[in-house]
């Protein structure tokens, strides 16, 4: 491995940062080094590459060293940069919530496929909304719909509200801090949820970015990973419109158990859509006996 030249230029900082991140077993150290430095300097990655000999201002050096050290401790990039892309949105991301993931976009695809006529969606509910990713993505595609997001964490609920504002959807969203659907009445055309579904004992074995830094409240699904689904099986039949659809995210291998819980609650499985890794990810449910 070639050694980096000392100095305070963009090129020197990127080279040194790449070595630090490589030693920390980061998968794409050069890319992440560029992302961190461009964030610290308030510029685009292309600007860094245009002139590697350009000096890095002293204030940016201090910020960069701080976030580089945090990334080497496995703090997720989304928390360091403060935002993450999801669907067509750019979402604020903090340690109060899980980081939106590409696999979860499968739920948006499944929800939209269930309603080819977007005008048929007028009321949307997102249980365990986190950043608001699912709710806001669906509302961005269904311009006539109004949505409610619920999260047990007041900090997460505040973040979802901020993301609604950030993405121009605040006038069509209400976000509540509460225990699942306990305070809700009425019926919803579409119910979404990416609930906690990791078995408690499995959490320490997750990748360090997740196990050490993402909120346990949003990960821990209880001893068998199904506690949240049991709560959803009680709430969804009461709140789902007669011809409505619910779309739930699943963990690997959970499809049979979750389908059984929902079947006992009077819901039928209509589809289980795989993610890009071909893992069954988005379970689409409807009332066992549709009316109307």
Protein backbone atom coordinates (compact mmCIF):
# COMPACT_ATOMS: atom_id res chain seq x y z
CA UNK A 1 0.00 0.00 0.00
CA UNK A 2 1.39 3.41 -0.94
CA UNK A 3 1.83 5.93 1.82
CA UNK A 4 0.02 9.25 1.76
CA UNK A 5 1.93 12.48 1.55
CA UNK A 6 1.45 14.64 4.66
CA UNK A 7 -0.39 17.88 4.15
CA UNK A 8 -3.71 19.67 4.34
CA UNK A 9 -4.85 19.24 0.75
CA UNK A 10 -8.00 17.47 -0.38
CA UNK A 11 -5.92 14.65 -1.86
CA UNK A 12 -3.90 14.14 1.33
CA UNK A 13 -7.01 14.06 3.51
CA UNK A 14 -8.78 11.60 1.19
CA UNK A 15 -5.78 9.29 1.10
CA UNK A 16 -5.37 9.31 4.87
CA UNK A 17 -9.09 8.81 5.41
CA UNK A 18 -9.16 5.88 2.99
CA UNK A 19 -6.46 4.17 5.02
CA UNK A 20 -8.34 4.76 8.29
CA UNK A 21 -11.59 3.39 6.91
CA UNK A 22 -9.89 0.44 5.24
CA UNK A 23 -8.32 -0.49 8.59
CA UNK A 24 -11.80 -0.28 10.15
CA UNK A 25 -13.07 -2.83 7.57
CA UNK A 26 -15.37 -0.35 5.83
CA UNK A 27 -16.45 -1.94 2.54
CA UNK A 28 -16.03 1.12 0.29
CA UNK A 29 -13.44 3.28 2.07
CA UNK A 30 -12.58 5.61 -0.82
CA UNK A 31 -16.22 6.43 -1.55
CA UNK A 32 -17.02 7.01 2.11
CA UNK A 33 -13.93 9.19 2.51
CA UNK A 34 -15.19 11.41 -0.32
CA UNK A 35 -18.69 11.56 1.15
CA UNK A 36 -17.38 12.55 4.57
CA UNK A 37 -14.98 15.18 3.27
CA UNK A 38 -17.53 16.72 0.91
CA UNK A 39 -19.96 16.88 3.85
CA UNK A 40 -17.36 18.55 6.08
CA UNK A 41 -16.49 21.08 3.37
CA UNK A 42 -20.08 21.69 2.27
CA UNK A 43 -19.38 20.84 -1.35
CA UNK A 44 -20.07 18.12 -3.91
CA UNK A 45 -17.87 15.09 -4.44
CA UNK A 46 -17.10 16.32 -7.95
CA UNK A 47 -15.64 19.50 -6.47
CA UNK A 48 -13.16 17.45 -4.43
CA UNK A 49 -11.98 15.52 -7.46
CA UNK A 50 -11.60 18.63 -9.61
CA UNK A 51 -8.56 19.88 -7.68
CA UNK A 52 -6.98 17.36 -5.25
CA UNK A 53 -4.33 19.92 -4.35
CA UNK A 54 -6.84 22.45 -3.03
CA UNK A 55 -6.44 23.17 0.70
CA UNK A 56 -9.01 21.96 3.21
CA UNK A 57 -10.09 24.91 5.41
CA UNK A 58 -9.27 24.54 9.10
CA UNK A 59 -12.93 24.42 10.30
CA UNK A 60 -13.67 21.66 7.78
CA UNK A 61 -10.57 19.75 8.93
CA UNK A 62 -11.90 19.66 12.49
CA UNK A 63 -15.35 18.47 11.39
CA UNK A 64 -13.84 15.88 9.08
CA UNK A 65 -11.55 14.40 11.73
CA UNK A 66 -14.48 14.10 14.12
CA UNK A 67 -16.83 12.33 11.71
CA UNK A 68 -14.04 10.16 10.30
CA UNK A 69 -13.22 8.89 13.80
CA UNK A 70 -16.92 8.20 14.39
CA UNK A 71 -17.21 6.25 11.13
CA UNK A 72 -14.18 4.17 12.13
CA UNK A 73 -16.18 3.28 15.28
CA UNK A 74 -18.98 1.97 13.03
CA UNK A 75 -21.32 4.93 13.43
CA UNK A 76 -23.57 4.67 10.33
CA UNK A 77 -22.94 7.06 7.46
CA UNK A 78 -26.56 8.25 7.46
CA UNK A 79 -26.21 9.48 11.04
CA UNK A 80 -22.95 11.28 10.24
CA UNK A 81 -24.27 12.91 7.07
CA UNK A 82 -27.66 13.56 8.66
CA UNK A 83 -29.81 12.30 5.82
CA UNK A 84 -30.56 9.27 3.65
CA UNK A 85 -32.31 8.74 0.34
CA UNK A 86 -35.47 6.62 0.18
CA UNK A 87 -37.70 6.16 -2.86
CA UNK A 88 -37.62 9.63 -4.44
CA UNK A 89 -37.25 11.42 -1.10
CA UNK A 90 -34.36 12.77 0.93
CA UNK A 91 -34.96 12.05 4.62
CA UNK A 92 -33.33 13.43 7.73
CA UNK A 93 -31.76 10.58 9.68
CA UNK A 94 -30.79 10.56 13.37
CA UNK A 95 -30.10 7.86 16.00
CA UNK A 96 -33.74 8.24 17.11
CA UNK A 97 -34.83 5.98 14.23
CA UNK A 98 -33.74 3.15 12.01
CA UNK A 99 -32.02 4.24 8.82
CA UNK A 100 -34.32 3.78 5.79
CA UNK A 101 -33.15 0.85 3.66
CA UNK A 102 -33.56 -0.12 0.06
CA UNK A 103 -35.25 -3.41 1.02
CA UNK A 104 -38.09 -1.42 2.58
CA UNK A 105 -38.83 0.22 -0.77
CA UNK A 106 -40.34 -3.17 -1.65
CA UNK A 107 -43.27 -2.24 0.59
CA UNK A 108 -43.87 0.95 -1.37
CA UNK A 109 -43.84 -1.03 -4.62
CA UNK A 110 -46.30 -3.55 -3.18
CA UNK A 111 -48.61 -0.85 -1.84
CA UNK A 112 -48.73 0.99 -5.16
CA UNK A 113 -49.31 -2.26 -7.04
CA UNK A 114 -52.29 -2.95 -4.77
CA UNK A 115 -53.84 0.38 -5.81
CA UNK A 116 -53.38 0.90 -9.56
CA UNK A 117 -55.94 3.70 -9.23
CA UNK A 118 -54.12 6.12 -6.93
CA UNK A 119 -57.39 8.00 -6.36
CA UNK A 120 -58.67 4.98 -4.43
CA UNK A 121 -56.23 5.80 -1.63
CA UNK A 122 -57.56 8.59 0.58
CA UNK A 123 -56.43 7.59 4.10
CA UNK A 124 -53.06 6.00 4.90
CA UNK A 125 -51.74 4.82 8.28
CA UNK A 126 -48.11 4.00 9.07
CA UNK A 127 -47.58 2.18 12.36
CA UNK A 128 -44.04 2.52 13.69
CA UNK A 129 -43.32 5.31 11.23
CA UNK A 130 -39.71 6.09 12.23
CA UNK A 131 -38.36 8.62 9.73
CA UNK A 132 -41.75 8.60 8.00
CA UNK A 133 -40.16 6.86 5.01
CA UNK A 134 -43.04 4.55 4.07
CA UNK A 135 -45.82 7.04 4.72
CA UNK A 136 -44.16 9.90 2.88
CA UNK A 137 -43.15 7.75 -0.09
CA UNK A 138 -46.72 6.55 -0.58
CA UNK A 139 -48.19 10.03 -0.14
CA UNK A 140 -45.75 11.36 -2.73
CA UNK A 141 -47.30 8.91 -5.21
CA UNK A 142 -50.93 9.39 -4.11
CA UNK A 143 -51.58 13.14 -4.26
CA UNK A 144 -55.16 12.89 -3.00
CA UNK A 145 -54.31 10.96 0.17
CA UNK A 146 -53.88 12.07 3.77
CA UNK A 147 -51.66 10.07 6.12
CA UNK A 148 -51.17 9.45 9.82
CA UNK A 149 -47.90 8.16 11.23
CA UNK A 150 -47.54 6.71 14.72
CA UNK A 151 -44.36 5.92 16.62
CA UNK A 152 -43.72 5.00 20.24
CA UNK A 153 -40.71 7.32 20.31
CA UNK A 154 -41.51 11.06 20.59
CA UNK A 155 -38.10 11.78 19.03
CA UNK A 156 -38.95 9.59 16.03
CA UNK A 157 -42.35 11.24 15.67
CA UNK A 158 -40.69 14.67 15.65
CA UNK A 159 -38.25 13.50 12.98
CA UNK A 160 -41.08 12.18 10.79
CA UNK A 161 -42.82 15.57 11.07
CA UNK A 162 -39.60 17.31 10.03
CA UNK A 163 -39.28 14.97 7.05
CA UNK A 164 -42.84 15.75 5.99
CA UNK A 165 -41.91 19.44 5.94
CA UNK A 166 -38.60 18.74 4.17
CA UNK A 167 -40.39 16.90 1.37
CA UNK A 168 -43.30 19.28 0.94
CA UNK A 169 -45.92 16.94 2.42
CA UNK A 170 -46.63 18.57 5.80
CA UNK A 171 -50.15 19.63 4.85
CA UNK A 172 -51.14 16.01 4.22
CA UNK A 173 -49.54 14.36 7.25
CA UNK A 174 -50.22 14.06 10.97
CA UNK A 175 -47.67 12.27 13.18
CA UNK A 176 -48.46 11.03 16.67
CA UNK A 177 -46.37 9.58 19.47
CA UNK A 178 -48.25 6.63 20.90
CA UNK A 179 -48.51 2.89 21.47
CA UNK A 180 -49.28 1.46 18.03
CA UNK A 181 -52.91 2.18 17.15
CA UNK A 182 -54.38 2.46 20.66
CA UNK A 183 -55.60 6.05 20.22
CA UNK A 184 -56.87 5.73 16.65
CA UNK A 185 -60.39 5.37 15.31
CA UNK A 186 -61.85 5.17 11.82
CA UNK A 187 -60.83 3.18 8.78
CA UNK A 188 -57.85 3.39 6.47
CA UNK A 189 -57.52 2.37 2.84
CA UNK A 190 -53.86 1.47 3.33
CA UNK A 191 -52.00 0.46 6.50
CA UNK A 192 -48.22 0.22 6.40
CA UNK A 193 -45.76 -1.05 8.97
CA UNK A 194 -42.08 -1.89 9.22
CA UNK A 195 -42.20 -3.18 12.80
CA UNK A 196 -39.40 -4.39 15.08
CA UNK A 197 -38.84 -8.02 14.06
CA UNK A 198 -35.37 -9.08 15.20
CA UNK A 199 -35.28 -11.77 17.87
CA UNK A 200 -33.90 -10.28 21.08
CA UNK A 201 -31.06 -12.78 21.34
CA UNK A 202 -29.99 -12.12 17.75
CA UNK A 203 -29.46 -8.36 18.10
CA UNK A 204 -25.86 -8.53 19.46
CA UNK A 205 -24.89 -10.59 16.39
CA UNK A 206 -26.03 -7.98 13.89
CA UNK A 207 -23.47 -5.87 12.02
CA UNK A 208 -21.93 -3.30 14.39
CA UNK A 209 -23.53 -0.31 12.67
CA UNK A 210 -26.93 -1.77 13.57
CA UNK A 211 -26.32 -3.52 16.89
CA UNK A 212 -24.34 -0.69 18.46
CA UNK A 213 -25.94 2.41 17.00
CA UNK A 214 -29.50 1.94 15.74
CA UNK A 215 -32.29 2.15 18.36
CA UNK A 216 -33.11 -1.13 20.08
CA UNK A 217 -36.75 -0.04 20.38
CA UNK A 218 -37.05 -0.21 16.60
CA UNK A 219 -35.19 -3.54 16.29
CA UNK A 220 -36.29 -5.77 19.15
CA UNK A 221 -39.23 -7.98 18.21
CA UNK A 222 -39.16 -10.02 21.41
CA UNK A 223 -37.93 -13.57 22.03
CA UNK A 224 -39.35 -14.93 18.76
CA UNK A 225 -39.34 -11.68 16.78
CA UNK A 226 -43.13 -11.66 16.52
CA UNK A 227 -44.28 -9.41 19.39
CA UNK A 228 -45.04 -6.45 17.12
CA UNK A 229 -46.94 -8.61 14.65
CA UNK A 230 -49.19 -9.81 17.49
CA UNK A 231 -50.02 -6.18 18.27
CA UNK A 232 -50.62 -5.46 14.57
CA UNK A 233 -52.92 -8.49 14.30
CA UNK A 234 -55.15 -6.85 16.91
CA UNK A 235 -55.03 -3.35 15.43
CA UNK A 236 -55.27 -3.91 11.68
CA UNK A 237 -58.69 -5.66 11.47
CA UNK A 238 -60.25 -2.82 13.48
CA UNK A 239 -58.74 -0.07 11.33
CA UNK A 240 -58.64 -1.51 7.82
CA UNK A 241 -61.35 -0.36 5.40
CA UNK A 242 -63.61 -3.09 3.96
CA UNK A 243 -61.62 -3.17 0.73
CA UNK A 244 -58.39 -1.89 2.22
CA UNK A 245 -54.90 -3.33 2.17
CA UNK A 246 -52.19 -3.69 4.80
CA UNK A 247 -48.53 -4.07 3.82
CA UNK A 248 -46.07 -5.32 6.44
CA UNK A 249 -42.31 -5.75 6.28
CA UNK A 250 -41.04 -9.22 7.20
CA UNK A 251 -37.72 -10.51 8.44
CA UNK A 252 -36.09 -13.47 6.76
CA UNK A 253 -38.04 -16.69 7.35
CA UNK A 254 -41.00 -14.98 9.07
CA UNK A 255 -43.61 -15.28 6.33
CA UNK A 256 -45.34 -18.50 7.54
CA UNK A 257 -45.59 -17.37 11.18
CA UNK A 258 -46.84 -13.88 10.35
CA UNK A 259 -49.37 -15.17 7.83
CA UNK A 260 -50.71 -17.55 10.48
CA UNK A 261 -51.09 -14.72 13.01
CA UNK A 262 -52.92 -12.57 10.51
CA UNK A 263 -55.13 -15.39 9.32
CA UNK A 264 -56.27 -15.99 12.91
CA UNK A 265 -57.10 -12.27 13.11
CA UNK A 266 -59.33 -12.43 10.03
CA UNK A 267 -56.87 -11.20 7.42
CA UNK A 268 -55.88 -13.06 4.28
CA UNK A 269 -52.50 -13.02 2.57
CA UNK A 270 -52.73 -11.67 -0.98
CA UNK A 271 -49.07 -11.43 -1.94
CA UNK A 272 -45.61 -11.68 -0.43
CA UNK A 273 -43.26 -9.64 -2.58
CA UNK A 274 -39.51 -10.42 -2.45
CA UNK A 275 -36.83 -7.77 -2.17
CA UNK A 276 -33.88 -7.56 -4.55
CA UNK A 277 -32.15 -10.36 -2.61
CA UNK A 278 -35.22 -12.57 -3.22
CA UNK A 279 -36.09 -12.60 0.50
CA UNK A 280 -39.88 -12.46 1.09
CA UNK A 281 -40.15 -8.89 2.38
CA UNK A 282 -43.54 -7.22 1.80
CA UNK A 283 -46.63 -9.10 2.98
CA UNK A 284 -49.86 -7.73 1.48
CA UNK A 285 -53.04 -8.45 3.47
CA UNK A 286 -56.74 -7.83 2.99
CA UNK A 287 -59.90 -8.53 5.00
CA UNK A 288 -60.86 -12.18 4.91
CA UNK A 289 -64.35 -11.22 3.77
CA UNK A 290 -64.28 -8.09 1.59
CA UNK A 291 -67.34 -5.88 1.47
CA UNK A 292 -68.51 -3.26 -0.93
